[in-house]
């Protein structure tokens, strides 16, 4: 699945809502007209950059929508547009991209925990491998002492019988 930012949630949910409510397609032009793709910079001046293209931004949104299997896209001479599919309404009822973003965050958190766990397991394994030869010698010495004590007890027992 394609990851998206928190700022994208509003626009992505807007696209899903519009294709469901209108029953028609949506294009980059529609997003610019509805001011979901802004053609001004943060200070409110003209265009973001001379090479800024609303179609590129819309293509990014289309890629996200398709990766979640929420909408179908088609391309024409005028550009790309999206339309709803059989999963669009169900996706919206399940919480839309707000829920998908929360799931994405939970997944990242889980992955980070698993990475930490793996690192800790690796460190513990390395420590255990370093300690293994010492433990092995302690076990050998313990076995020799146990055998020696057993022999000593047997000899002591035999002397008591005589």
C-alpha atoms as a PDB file:
ATOM      1  CA  UNK A   1       0.000   0.000   0.000  1.00  0.00           C
ATOM      2  CA  UNK A   2       1.096   3.530  -0.627  1.00  0.00           C
ATOM      3  CA  UNK A   3       1.772   5.675   2.378  1.00  0.00           C
ATOM      4  CA  UNK A   4       0.242   9.110   2.605  1.00  0.00           C
ATOM      5  CA  UNK A   5       0.518  12.105   4.921  1.00  0.00           C
ATOM      6  CA  UNK A   6      -1.980  13.370   7.444  1.00  0.00           C
ATOM      7  CA  UNK A   7      -2.499  16.440   5.233  1.00  0.00           C
ATOM      8  CA  UNK A   8      -3.692  14.188   2.389  1.00  0.00           C
ATOM      9  CA  UNK A   9      -6.576  12.676   4.377  1.00  0.00           C
ATOM     10  CA  UNK A  10      -8.988  15.547   3.767  1.00  0.00           C
ATOM     11  CA  UNK A  11      -8.396  15.605   0.007  1.00  0.00           C
ATOM     12  CA  UNK A  12      -8.531  11.825  -0.386  1.00  0.00           C
ATOM     13  CA  UNK A  13     -11.782  11.585   1.609  1.00  0.00           C
ATOM     14  CA  UNK A  14     -13.151  14.490  -0.453  1.00  0.00           C
ATOM     15  CA  UNK A  15     -12.429  12.601  -3.680  1.00  0.00           C
ATOM     16  CA  UNK A  16     -14.116   9.452  -2.360  1.00  0.00           C
ATOM     17  CA  UNK A  17     -17.129  11.446  -1.177  1.00  0.00           C
ATOM     18  CA  UNK A  18     -17.491  13.295  -4.478  1.00  0.00           C
ATOM     19  CA  UNK A  19     -17.292  10.223  -6.707  1.00  0.00           C
ATOM     20  CA  UNK A  20     -19.889   8.515  -4.499  1.00  0.00           C
ATOM     21  CA  UNK A  21     -22.278  11.463  -4.157  1.00  0.00           C
ATOM     22  CA  UNK A  22     -22.162  12.684  -7.760  1.00  0.00           C
ATOM     23  CA  UNK A  23     -21.799   9.279  -9.374  1.00  0.00           C
ATOM     24  CA  UNK A  24     -19.481  10.852 -11.906  1.00  0.00           C
ATOM     25  CA  UNK A  25     -15.744  11.092 -12.346  1.00  0.00           C
ATOM     26  CA  UNK A  26     -13.313  13.532 -10.781  1.00  0.00           C
ATOM     27  CA  UNK A  27     -10.203  15.058 -12.342  1.00  0.00           C
ATOM     28  CA  UNK A  28      -7.333  17.321 -11.338  1.00  0.00           C
ATOM     29  CA  UNK A  29      -9.304  20.283 -12.666  1.00  0.00           C
ATOM     30  CA  UNK A  30     -12.160  19.465 -10.263  1.00  0.00           C
ATOM     31  CA  UNK A  31      -9.751  19.385  -7.320  1.00  0.00           C
ATOM     32  CA  UNK A  32      -8.251  22.749  -8.288  1.00  0.00           C
ATOM     33  CA  UNK A  33     -11.735  24.258  -8.617  1.00  0.00           C
ATOM     34  CA  UNK A  34     -12.742  22.919  -5.207  1.00  0.00           C
ATOM     35  CA  UNK A  35      -9.460  24.302  -3.800  1.00  0.00           C
ATOM     36  CA  UNK A  36      -8.259  20.886  -2.624  1.00  0.00           C
ATOM     37  CA  UNK A  37      -5.169  21.316  -4.816  1.00  0.00           C
ATOM     38  CA  UNK A  38      -4.039  24.861  -4.166  1.00  0.00           C
ATOM     39  CA  UNK A  39      -2.246  26.776  -6.868  1.00  0.00           C
ATOM     40  CA  UNK A  40      -0.825  29.292  -4.386  1.00  0.00           C
ATOM     41  CA  UNK A  41       2.090  29.011  -1.994  1.00  0.00           C
ATOM     42  CA  UNK A  42       1.819  29.352   1.785  1.00  0.00           C
ATOM     43  CA  UNK A  43       2.086  33.141   1.599  1.00  0.00           C
ATOM     44  CA  UNK A  44      -0.800  33.241  -0.901  1.00  0.00           C
ATOM     45  CA  UNK A  45       1.194  34.318  -3.937  1.00  0.00           C
ATOM     46  CA  UNK A  46       0.440  33.145  -7.464  1.00  0.00           C
ATOM     47  CA  UNK A  47       1.634  29.687  -8.307  1.00  0.00           C
ATOM     48  CA  UNK A  48       3.720  27.417  -6.119  1.00  0.00           C
ATOM     49  CA  UNK A  49       6.480  27.156  -8.703  1.00  0.00           C
ATOM     50  CA  UNK A  50       6.528  27.691 -12.440  1.00  0.00           C
ATOM     51  CA  UNK A  51       6.781  23.942 -13.003  1.00  0.00           C
ATOM     52  CA  UNK A  52       4.063  22.999 -10.463  1.00  0.00           C
ATOM     53  CA  UNK A  53       1.557  20.767 -12.143  1.00  0.00           C
ATOM     54  CA  UNK A  54      -1.809  19.979 -10.573  1.00  0.00           C
ATOM     55  CA  UNK A  55      -1.940  16.873 -12.751  1.00  0.00           C
ATOM     56  CA  UNK A  56       1.154  15.449 -11.000  1.00  0.00           C
ATOM     57  CA  UNK A  57      -0.404  16.021  -7.588  1.00  0.00           C
ATOM     58  CA  UNK A  58      -3.648  14.444  -8.778  1.00  0.00           C
ATOM     59  CA  UNK A  59      -1.690  11.469 -10.159  1.00  0.00           C
ATOM     60  CA  UNK A  60      -0.188  10.969  -6.699  1.00  0.00           C
ATOM     61  CA  UNK A  61      -3.707  10.942  -5.199  1.00  0.00           C
ATOM     62  CA  UNK A  62      -4.865   8.500  -7.902  1.00  0.00           C
ATOM     63  CA  UNK A  63      -1.972   6.184  -7.068  1.00  0.00           C
ATOM     64  CA  UNK A  64      -2.969   6.223  -3.384  1.00  0.00           C
ATOM     65  CA  UNK A  65      -6.642   5.605  -4.228  1.00  0.00           C
ATOM     66  CA  UNK A  66      -5.748   2.695  -6.499  1.00  0.00           C
ATOM     67  CA  UNK A  67      -3.377   1.157  -3.966  1.00  0.00           C
ATOM     68  CA  UNK A  68      -6.270   1.013  -1.479  1.00  0.00           C
ATOM     69  CA  UNK A  69      -8.541  -0.274  -4.284  1.00  0.00           C
ATOM     70  CA  UNK A  70     -10.995   2.550  -3.561  1.00  0.00           C
ATOM     71  CA  UNK A  71     -11.421   4.012  -7.051  1.00  0.00           C
ATOM     72  CA  UNK A  72     -10.688   3.156 -10.655  1.00  0.00           C
ATOM     73  CA  UNK A  73      -8.742   5.546 -12.822  1.00  0.00           C
ATOM     74  CA  UNK A  74      -8.933   6.183 -16.524  1.00  0.00           C
ATOM     75  CA  UNK A  75      -6.789   8.350 -18.753  1.00  0.00           C
ATOM     76  CA  UNK A  76      -7.982  10.402 -21.678  1.00  0.00           C
ATOM     77  CA  UNK A  77      -6.496  13.143 -23.827  1.00  0.00           C
ATOM     78  CA  UNK A  78      -7.677  15.682 -21.257  1.00  0.00           C
ATOM     79  CA  UNK A  79      -5.918  13.844 -18.409  1.00  0.00           C
ATOM     80  CA  UNK A  80      -6.603  11.305 -15.702  1.00  0.00           C
ATOM     81  CA  UNK A  81      -9.815  10.978 -13.783  1.00  0.00           C
ATOM     82  CA  UNK A  82     -11.164   8.647 -11.105  1.00  0.00           C
ATOM     83  CA  UNK A  83     -14.513   6.948 -10.713  1.00  0.00           C
ATOM     84  CA  UNK A  84     -15.969   4.865  -7.922  1.00  0.00           C
ATOM     85  CA  UNK A  85     -15.861   1.091  -7.864  1.00  0.00           C
ATOM     86  CA  UNK A  86     -17.701  -1.575  -5.887  1.00  0.00           C
ATOM     87  CA  UNK A  87     -15.453  -1.097  -2.832  1.00  0.00           C
ATOM     88  CA  UNK A  88     -15.701   2.723  -2.593  1.00  0.00           C
ATOM     89  CA  UNK A  89     -18.850   2.901  -0.452  1.00  0.00           C
ATOM     90  CA  UNK A  90     -17.673   0.124   1.866  1.00  0.00           C
ATOM     91  CA  UNK A  91     -14.295   1.874   2.301  1.00  0.00           C
ATOM     92  CA  UNK A  92     -16.020   5.153   3.182  1.00  0.00           C
ATOM     93  CA  UNK A  93     -18.340   3.438   5.699  1.00  0.00           C
ATOM     94  CA  UNK A  94     -15.340   1.774   7.383  1.00  0.00           C
ATOM     95  CA  UNK A  95     -13.831   5.157   8.179  1.00  0.00           C
ATOM     96  CA  UNK A  96     -12.156   6.155   4.949  1.00  0.00           C
ATOM     97  CA  UNK A  97      -8.630   7.472   4.862  1.00  0.00           C
ATOM     98  CA  UNK A  98      -8.776   8.702   8.447  1.00  0.00           C
ATOM     99  CA  UNK A  99      -8.987   5.082   9.614  1.00  0.00           C
ATOM    100  CA  UNK A 100      -6.467   3.992   6.982  1.00  0.00           C
ATOM    101  CA  UNK A 101      -4.021   6.605   8.319  1.00  0.00           C
ATOM    102  CA  UNK A 102      -4.527   5.376  11.888  1.00  0.00           C
ATOM    103  CA  UNK A 103      -3.965   1.793  10.711  1.00  0.00           C
ATOM    104  CA  UNK A 104      -0.850   2.939   8.876  1.00  0.00           C
ATOM    105  CA  UNK A 105       0.484   4.560  12.052  1.00  0.00           C
ATOM    106  CA  UNK A 106      -0.284   1.432  14.093  1.00  0.00           C
ATOM    107  CA  UNK A 107       1.481  -0.709  11.512  1.00  0.00           C
ATOM    108  CA  UNK A 108       4.565   1.520  11.640  1.00  0.00           C
ATOM    109  CA  UNK A 109       4.546   1.398  15.437  1.00  0.00           C
ATOM    110  CA  UNK A 110       4.281  -2.400  15.366  1.00  0.00           C
ATOM    111  CA  UNK A 111       7.109  -2.646  12.835  1.00  0.00           C
ATOM    112  CA  UNK A 112       9.295  -0.414  14.992  1.00  0.00           C
ATOM    113  CA  UNK A 113       8.587  -2.602  18.032  1.00  0.00           C
ATOM    114  CA  UNK A 114       9.428  -5.720  16.065  1.00  0.00           C
ATOM    115  CA  UNK A 115      12.687  -4.157  14.887  1.00  0.00           C
ATOM    116  CA  UNK A 116      13.564  -3.268  18.487  1.00  0.00           C
ATOM    117  CA  UNK A 117      12.680  -6.793  19.610  1.00  0.00           C
ATOM    118  CA  UNK A 118      14.870  -8.274  16.877  1.00  0.00           C
ATOM    119  CA  UNK A 119      17.794  -6.057  17.880  1.00  0.00           C
ATOM    120  CA  UNK A 120      17.438  -7.036  21.540  1.00  0.00           C
ATOM    121  CA  UNK A 121      17.184 -10.732  20.602  1.00  0.00           C
ATOM    122  CA  UNK A 122      20.338 -10.381  18.520  1.00  0.00           C
ATOM    123  CA  UNK A 123      22.214  -8.701  21.393  1.00  0.00           C
ATOM    124  CA  UNK A 124      21.088 -11.418  23.824  1.00  0.00           C
ATOM    125  CA  UNK A 125      22.120 -14.149  21.398  1.00  0.00           C
ATOM    126  CA  UNK A 126      25.552 -12.573  20.997  1.00  0.00           C
ATOM    127  CA  UNK A 127      25.981 -12.362  24.785  1.00  0.00           C
ATOM    128  CA  UNK A 128      24.875 -15.969  25.166  1.00  0.00           C
ATOM    129  CA  UNK A 129      27.382 -17.077  22.526  1.00  0.00           C
ATOM    130  CA  UNK A 130      30.148 -15.230  24.380  1.00  0.00           C
ATOM    131  CA  UNK A 131      29.131 -16.847  27.689  1.00  0.00           C
ATOM    132  CA  UNK A 132      28.672 -20.352  26.273  1.00  0.00           C
ATOM    133  CA  UNK A 133      32.342 -21.481  26.512  1.00  0.00           C
ATOM    134  CA  UNK A 134      32.507 -20.352  30.160  1.00  0.00           C
ATOM    135  CA  UNK A 135      29.264 -22.134  30.966  1.00  0.00           C
ATOM    136  CA  UNK A 136      30.506 -25.253  29.233  1.00  0.00           C
ATOM    137  CA  UNK A 137      33.683 -25.303  31.385  1.00  0.00           C
ATOM    138  CA  UNK A 138      31.672 -24.719  34.570  1.00  0.00           C
ATOM    139  CA  UNK A 139      29.458 -27.681  33.619  1.00  0.00           C
ATOM    140  CA  UNK A 140      32.508 -29.887  33.016  1.00  0.00           C
ATOM    141  CA  UNK A 141      34.072 -28.881  36.325  1.00  0.00           C
ATOM    142  CA  UNK A 142      30.746 -29.464  38.093  1.00  0.00           C
ATOM    143  CA  UNK A 143      30.467 -32.926  36.522  1.00  0.00           C
ATOM    144  CA  UNK A 144      34.014 -33.827  37.587  1.00  0.00           C
ATOM    145  CA  UNK A 145      33.320 -32.621  41.146  1.00  0.00           C
ATOM    146  CA  UNK A 146      30.055 -34.603  41.244  1.00  0.00           C
ATOM    147  CA  UNK A 147      31.814 -37.781  40.093  1.00  0.00           C
ATOM    148  CA  UNK A 148      34.644 -37.190  42.587  1.00  0.00           C
ATOM    149  CA  UNK A 149      32.169 -36.649  45.445  1.00  0.00           C
ATOM    150  CA  UNK A 150      30.211 -39.759  44.429  1.00  0.00           C
ATOM    151  CA  UNK A 151      33.415 -41.842  44.391  1.00  0.00           C
ATOM    152  CA  UNK A 152      34.417 -40.349  47.739  1.00  0.00           C
ATOM    153  CA  UNK A 153      30.987 -41.250  49.210  1.00  0.00           C
ATOM    154  CA  UNK A 154      31.186 -44.803  47.805  1.00  0.00           C
ATOM    155  CA  UNK A 155      34.651 -45.293  49.336  1.00  0.00           C
ATOM    156  CA  UNK A 156      33.396 -43.869  52.640  1.00  0.00           C
ATOM    157  CA  UNK A 157      30.393 -46.247  52.550  1.00  0.00           C
ATOM    158  CA  UNK A 158      32.609 -49.274  51.795  1.00  0.00           C
ATOM    159  CA  UNK A 159      34.908 -48.412  54.726  1.00  0.00           C
ATOM    160  CA  UNK A 160      31.896 -48.273  57.043  1.00  0.00           C
ATOM    161  CA  UNK A 161      30.822 -51.792  55.965  1.00  0.00           C
ATOM    162  CA  UNK A 162      34.202 -53.359  56.924  1.00  0.00           C
END
